[in-house]
Amino acid sequence: MIYLEPISEVLSVAMSVISRKYEFQADKFAIDQGRGEALREGMIKMQKENSINVTPDWLFAACTYSHPPIIERLQTIDELVARRAKKTE
């Protein structure tokens, strides 16, 4: 068991990275469908209701969170919505 613990930790971090990548892809899909503002509002509401830590330590978040911190997602959503708006002009 002692030998498997480091392997388990590495796999856990790798799975978190993959999960985060898919979360950003899902956010992009929602924005492409014209739901960027609704997604943003929903995340802010969720943060308020659940008292989510908005600015966790980046290393802790990278190693343990299966979803990106809300601040990263909101920044990415804002960037993607702005790009989409420029494309439609």
N, C-alpha and C. Protein backbone atom coordinates (compact mmCIF):
# COMPACT_ATOMS: atom_id res chain seq x y z
N MET A 1 0.81 -1.20 0.00
CA MET A 1 0.00 0.00 0.00
C MET A 1 0.85 1.26 0.00
N ILE A 2 1.94 1.24 0.73
CA ILE A 2 2.80 2.42 0.82
C ILE A 2 3.32 2.81 -0.56
N TYR A 3 3.57 1.83 -1.39
CA TYR A 3 4.12 2.12 -2.72
C TYR A 3 3.07 2.65 -3.68
N LEU A 4 1.83 2.34 -3.43
CA LEU A 4 0.77 2.78 -4.33
C LEU A 4 0.28 4.20 -4.02
N GLU A 5 0.52 4.68 -2.83
CA GLU A 5 0.04 6.02 -2.45
C GLU A 5 0.59 7.13 -3.35
N PRO A 6 1.89 7.17 -3.66
CA PRO A 6 2.37 8.23 -4.56
C PRO A 6 1.75 8.14 -5.95
N ILE A 7 1.56 6.93 -6.42
CA ILE A 7 0.95 6.76 -7.74
C ILE A 7 -0.49 7.27 -7.71
N SER A 8 -1.19 6.97 -6.63
CA SER A 8 -2.57 7.43 -6.47
C SER A 8 -2.63 8.96 -6.47
N GLU A 9 -1.71 9.60 -5.79
CA GLU A 9 -1.69 11.07 -5.74
C GLU A 9 -1.44 11.67 -7.12
N VAL A 10 -0.50 11.10 -7.86
CA VAL A 10 -0.20 11.60 -9.21
C VAL A 10 -1.42 11.43 -10.10
N LEU A 11 -2.07 10.29 -10.02
CA LEU A 11 -3.26 10.05 -10.84
C LEU A 11 -4.39 10.99 -10.45
N SER A 12 -4.52 11.28 -9.17
CA SER A 12 -5.55 12.20 -8.70
C SER A 12 -5.34 13.60 -9.28
N VAL A 13 -4.11 14.07 -9.27
CA VAL A 13 -3.80 15.39 -9.84
C VAL A 13 -4.07 15.38 -11.35
N ALA A 14 -3.68 14.31 -12.02
CA ALA A 14 -3.91 14.21 -13.46
C ALA A 14 -5.41 14.23 -13.78
N MET A 15 -6.20 13.54 -12.98
CA MET A 15 -7.65 13.53 -13.20
C MET A 15 -8.25 14.92 -12.95
N SER A 16 -7.73 15.64 -11.98
CA SER A 16 -8.20 17.00 -11.72
C SER A 16 -7.90 17.91 -12.91
N VAL A 17 -6.72 17.76 -13.49
CA VAL A 17 -6.35 18.57 -14.65
C VAL A 17 -7.28 18.27 -15.82
N ILE A 18 -7.56 17.01 -16.05
CA ILE A 18 -8.46 16.64 -17.15
C ILE A 18 -9.87 17.17 -16.89
N SER A 19 -10.34 17.02 -15.67
CA SER A 19 -11.68 17.50 -15.33
C SER A 19 -11.79 19.01 -15.52
N ARG A 20 -10.76 19.75 -15.13
CA ARG A 20 -10.76 21.20 -15.29
C ARG A 20 -10.82 21.58 -16.76
N LYS A 21 -10.07 20.85 -17.58
CA LYS A 21 -10.07 21.11 -19.02
C LYS A 21 -11.48 20.96 -19.58
N TYR A 22 -12.18 19.91 -19.17
CA TYR A 22 -13.54 19.68 -19.64
C TYR A 22 -14.51 20.74 -19.13
N GLU A 23 -14.28 21.26 -17.95
CA GLU A 23 -15.14 22.32 -17.43
C GLU A 23 -15.02 23.58 -18.30
N PHE A 24 -13.80 23.91 -18.68
CA PHE A 24 -13.61 25.08 -19.55
C PHE A 24 -14.25 24.84 -20.92
N GLN A 25 -14.17 23.60 -21.42
CA GLN A 25 -14.82 23.28 -22.69
C GLN A 25 -16.33 23.42 -22.58
N ALA A 26 -16.89 22.98 -21.47
CA ALA A 26 -18.34 23.10 -21.25
C ALA A 26 -18.74 24.57 -21.18
N ASP A 27 -17.94 25.38 -20.51
CA ASP A 27 -18.22 26.81 -20.44
C ASP A 27 -18.20 27.43 -21.84
N LYS A 28 -17.22 27.05 -22.64
CA LYS A 28 -17.12 27.58 -24.00
C LYS A 28 -18.34 27.18 -24.82
N PHE A 29 -18.79 25.94 -24.65
CA PHE A 29 -19.97 25.48 -25.37
C PHE A 29 -21.19 26.33 -24.99
N ALA A 30 -21.36 26.58 -23.71
CA ALA A 30 -22.49 27.39 -23.25
C ALA A 30 -22.43 28.80 -23.85
N ILE A 31 -21.24 29.35 -23.92
CA ILE A 31 -21.07 30.69 -24.50
C ILE A 31 -21.37 30.66 -25.99
N ASP A 32 -20.91 29.63 -26.67
CA ASP A 32 -21.19 29.50 -28.10
C ASP A 32 -22.68 29.37 -28.38
N GLN A 33 -23.43 28.85 -27.41
CA GLN A 33 -24.88 28.72 -27.55
C GLN A 33 -25.61 29.99 -27.13
N GLY A 34 -24.86 31.03 -26.78
CA GLY A 34 -25.46 32.30 -26.39
C GLY A 34 -25.90 32.35 -24.94
N ARG A 35 -25.37 31.49 -24.10
CA ARG A 35 -25.77 31.42 -22.70
C ARG A 35 -24.67 31.90 -21.75
N GLY A 36 -23.74 32.70 -22.24
CA GLY A 36 -22.62 33.17 -21.43
C GLY A 36 -23.04 33.98 -20.22
N GLU A 37 -23.95 34.93 -20.41
CA GLU A 37 -24.39 35.77 -19.29
C GLU A 37 -25.15 34.96 -18.25
N ALA A 38 -25.98 34.04 -18.71
CA ALA A 38 -26.73 33.18 -17.77
C ALA A 38 -25.77 32.30 -16.98
N LEU A 39 -24.75 31.78 -17.64
CA LEU A 39 -23.74 30.96 -16.97
C LEU A 39 -23.01 31.78 -15.91
N ARG A 40 -22.63 32.97 -16.27
CA ARG A 40 -21.92 33.86 -15.34
C ARG A 40 -22.80 34.18 -14.12
N GLU A 41 -24.04 34.54 -14.37
CA GLU A 41 -24.96 34.86 -13.27
C GLU A 41 -25.18 33.64 -12.37
N GLY A 42 -25.30 32.48 -12.98
CA GLY A 42 -25.50 31.25 -12.21
C GLY A 42 -24.31 30.94 -11.32
N MET A 43 -23.11 31.16 -11.82
CA MET A 43 -21.92 30.91 -11.02
C MET A 43 -21.81 31.88 -9.85
N ILE A 44 -22.16 33.13 -10.09
CA ILE A 44 -22.12 34.12 -9.01
C ILE A 44 -23.15 33.76 -7.94
N LYS A 45 -24.34 33.37 -8.39
CA LYS A 45 -25.38 32.97 -7.44
C LYS A 45 -24.93 31.75 -6.63
N MET A 46 -24.34 30.78 -7.30
CA MET A 46 -23.85 29.58 -6.63
C MET A 46 -22.77 29.94 -5.61
N GLN A 47 -21.90 30.87 -5.95
CA GLN A 47 -20.84 31.29 -5.04
C GLN A 47 -21.42 31.93 -3.80
N LYS A 48 -22.43 32.76 -3.97
CA LYS A 48 -23.05 33.43 -2.83
C LYS A 48 -23.78 32.44 -1.92
N GLU A 49 -24.50 31.50 -2.53
CA GLU A 49 -25.28 30.54 -1.75
C GLU A 49 -24.40 29.54 -1.01
N ASN A 50 -23.29 29.17 -1.61
CA ASN A 50 -22.43 28.13 -1.03
C ASN A 50 -21.19 28.66 -0.35
N SER A 51 -21.01 29.96 -0.33
CA SER A 51 -19.82 30.59 0.27
C SER A 51 -18.53 29.95 -0.23
N ILE A 52 -18.42 29.87 -1.54
CA ILE A 52 -17.25 29.27 -2.17
C ILE A 52 -16.04 30.19 -1.98
N ASN A 53 -14.88 29.59 -1.72
CA ASN A 53 -13.64 30.35 -1.63
C ASN A 53 -13.30 30.86 -3.03
N VAL A 54 -13.36 32.16 -3.22
CA VAL A 54 -13.16 32.76 -4.54
C VAL A 54 -11.70 32.74 -4.96
N THR A 55 -10.79 32.89 -4.01
CA THR A 55 -9.37 32.95 -4.36
C THR A 55 -8.56 31.92 -3.57
N PRO A 56 -8.72 30.64 -3.90
CA PRO A 56 -7.92 29.63 -3.19
C PRO A 56 -6.47 29.67 -3.67
N ASP A 57 -5.59 29.09 -2.87
CA ASP A 57 -4.20 28.97 -3.28
C ASP A 57 -4.13 28.19 -4.58
N TRP A 58 -3.37 28.67 -5.55
CA TRP A 58 -3.36 28.05 -6.87
C TRP A 58 -2.86 26.61 -6.84
N LEU A 59 -1.86 26.33 -6.03
CA LEU A 59 -1.31 24.98 -5.99
C LEU A 59 -2.29 24.02 -5.32
N PHE A 60 -2.90 24.46 -4.23
CA PHE A 60 -3.91 23.63 -3.56
C PHE A 60 -5.08 23.36 -4.51
N ALA A 61 -5.54 24.39 -5.19
CA ALA A 61 -6.65 24.24 -6.12
C ALA A 61 -6.28 23.30 -7.27
N ALA A 62 -5.08 23.44 -7.80
CA ALA A 62 -4.65 22.59 -8.91
C ALA A 62 -4.56 21.13 -8.51
N CYS A 63 -4.20 20.88 -7.28
CA CYS A 63 -4.01 19.49 -6.83
C CYS A 63 -5.29 18.85 -6.31
N THR A 64 -6.23 19.63 -5.82
CA THR A 64 -7.38 19.02 -5.15
C THR A 64 -8.73 19.34 -5.77
N TYR A 65 -8.88 20.47 -6.44
CA TYR A 65 -10.19 20.83 -6.98
C TYR A 65 -10.42 20.13 -8.32
N SER A 66 -11.59 19.54 -8.47
CA SER A 66 -11.93 18.93 -9.75
C SER A 66 -12.49 19.96 -10.73
N HIS A 67 -12.88 21.12 -10.21
CA HIS A 67 -13.37 22.22 -11.04
C HIS A 67 -12.45 23.41 -10.83
N PRO A 68 -12.30 24.25 -11.86
CA PRO A 68 -11.48 25.44 -11.70
C PRO A 68 -12.12 26.38 -10.66
N PRO A 69 -11.30 27.16 -9.97
CA PRO A 69 -11.88 28.14 -9.04
C PRO A 69 -12.80 29.10 -9.80
N ILE A 70 -13.81 29.58 -9.13
CA ILE A 70 -14.83 30.41 -9.77
C ILE A 70 -14.23 31.67 -10.40
N ILE A 71 -13.21 32.23 -9.78
CA ILE A 71 -12.60 33.45 -10.33
C ILE A 71 -11.98 33.17 -11.70
N GLU A 72 -11.34 32.03 -11.85
CA GLU A 72 -10.77 31.66 -13.15
C GLU A 72 -11.85 31.46 -14.19
N ARG A 73 -12.92 30.80 -13.78
CA ARG A 73 -14.01 30.54 -14.73
C ARG A 73 -14.69 31.84 -15.14
N LEU A 74 -14.90 32.76 -14.19
CA LEU A 74 -15.54 34.03 -14.54
C LEU A 74 -14.66 34.85 -15.48
N GLN A 75 -13.36 34.85 -15.24
CA GLN A 75 -12.44 35.58 -16.12
C GLN A 75 -12.47 34.99 -17.53
N THR A 76 -12.46 33.67 -17.61
CA THR A 76 -12.49 33.00 -18.91
C THR A 76 -13.81 33.26 -19.62
N ILE A 77 -14.90 33.21 -18.87
CA ILE A 77 -16.22 33.49 -19.47
C ILE A 77 -16.26 34.91 -20.02
N ASP A 78 -15.77 35.87 -19.26
CA ASP A 78 -15.75 37.26 -19.72
C ASP A 78 -14.94 37.41 -21.01
N GLU A 79 -13.78 36.76 -21.05
CA GLU A 79 -12.92 36.82 -22.25
C GLU A 79 -13.62 36.20 -23.45
N LEU A 80 -14.23 35.04 -23.26
CA LEU A 80 -14.89 34.36 -24.37
C LEU A 80 -16.13 35.11 -24.85
N VAL A 81 -16.87 35.71 -23.93
CA VAL A 81 -18.05 36.50 -24.32
C VAL A 81 -17.59 37.72 -25.12
N ALA A 82 -16.51 38.36 -24.69
CA ALA A 82 -15.99 39.52 -25.42
C ALA A 82 -15.53 39.14 -26.83
N ARG A 83 -14.85 38.01 -26.94
CA ARG A 83 -14.41 37.54 -28.26
C ARG A 83 -15.60 37.23 -29.15
N ARG A 84 -16.61 36.60 -28.57
CA ARG A 84 -17.80 36.24 -29.36
C ARG A 84 -18.49 37.51 -29.82
N ALA A 85 -18.55 38.53 -28.98
CA ALA A 85 -19.18 39.79 -29.35
C ALA A 85 -18.42 40.47 -30.50
N LYS A 86 -17.08 40.39 -30.46
CA LYS A 86 -16.29 41.00 -31.53
C LYS A 86 -16.51 40.28 -32.85
N LYS A 87 -16.68 38.96 -32.80
CA LYS A 87 -16.89 38.18 -34.02
C LYS A 87 -18.23 38.52 -34.68
N THR A 88 -19.23 38.79 -33.87
CA THR A 88 -20.56 39.06 -34.42
C THR A 88 -20.71 40.49 -34.93
N GLU A 89 -19.75 41.35 -34.62
CA GLU A 89 -19.85 42.75 -35.10
C GLU A 89 -19.43 42.87 -36.53
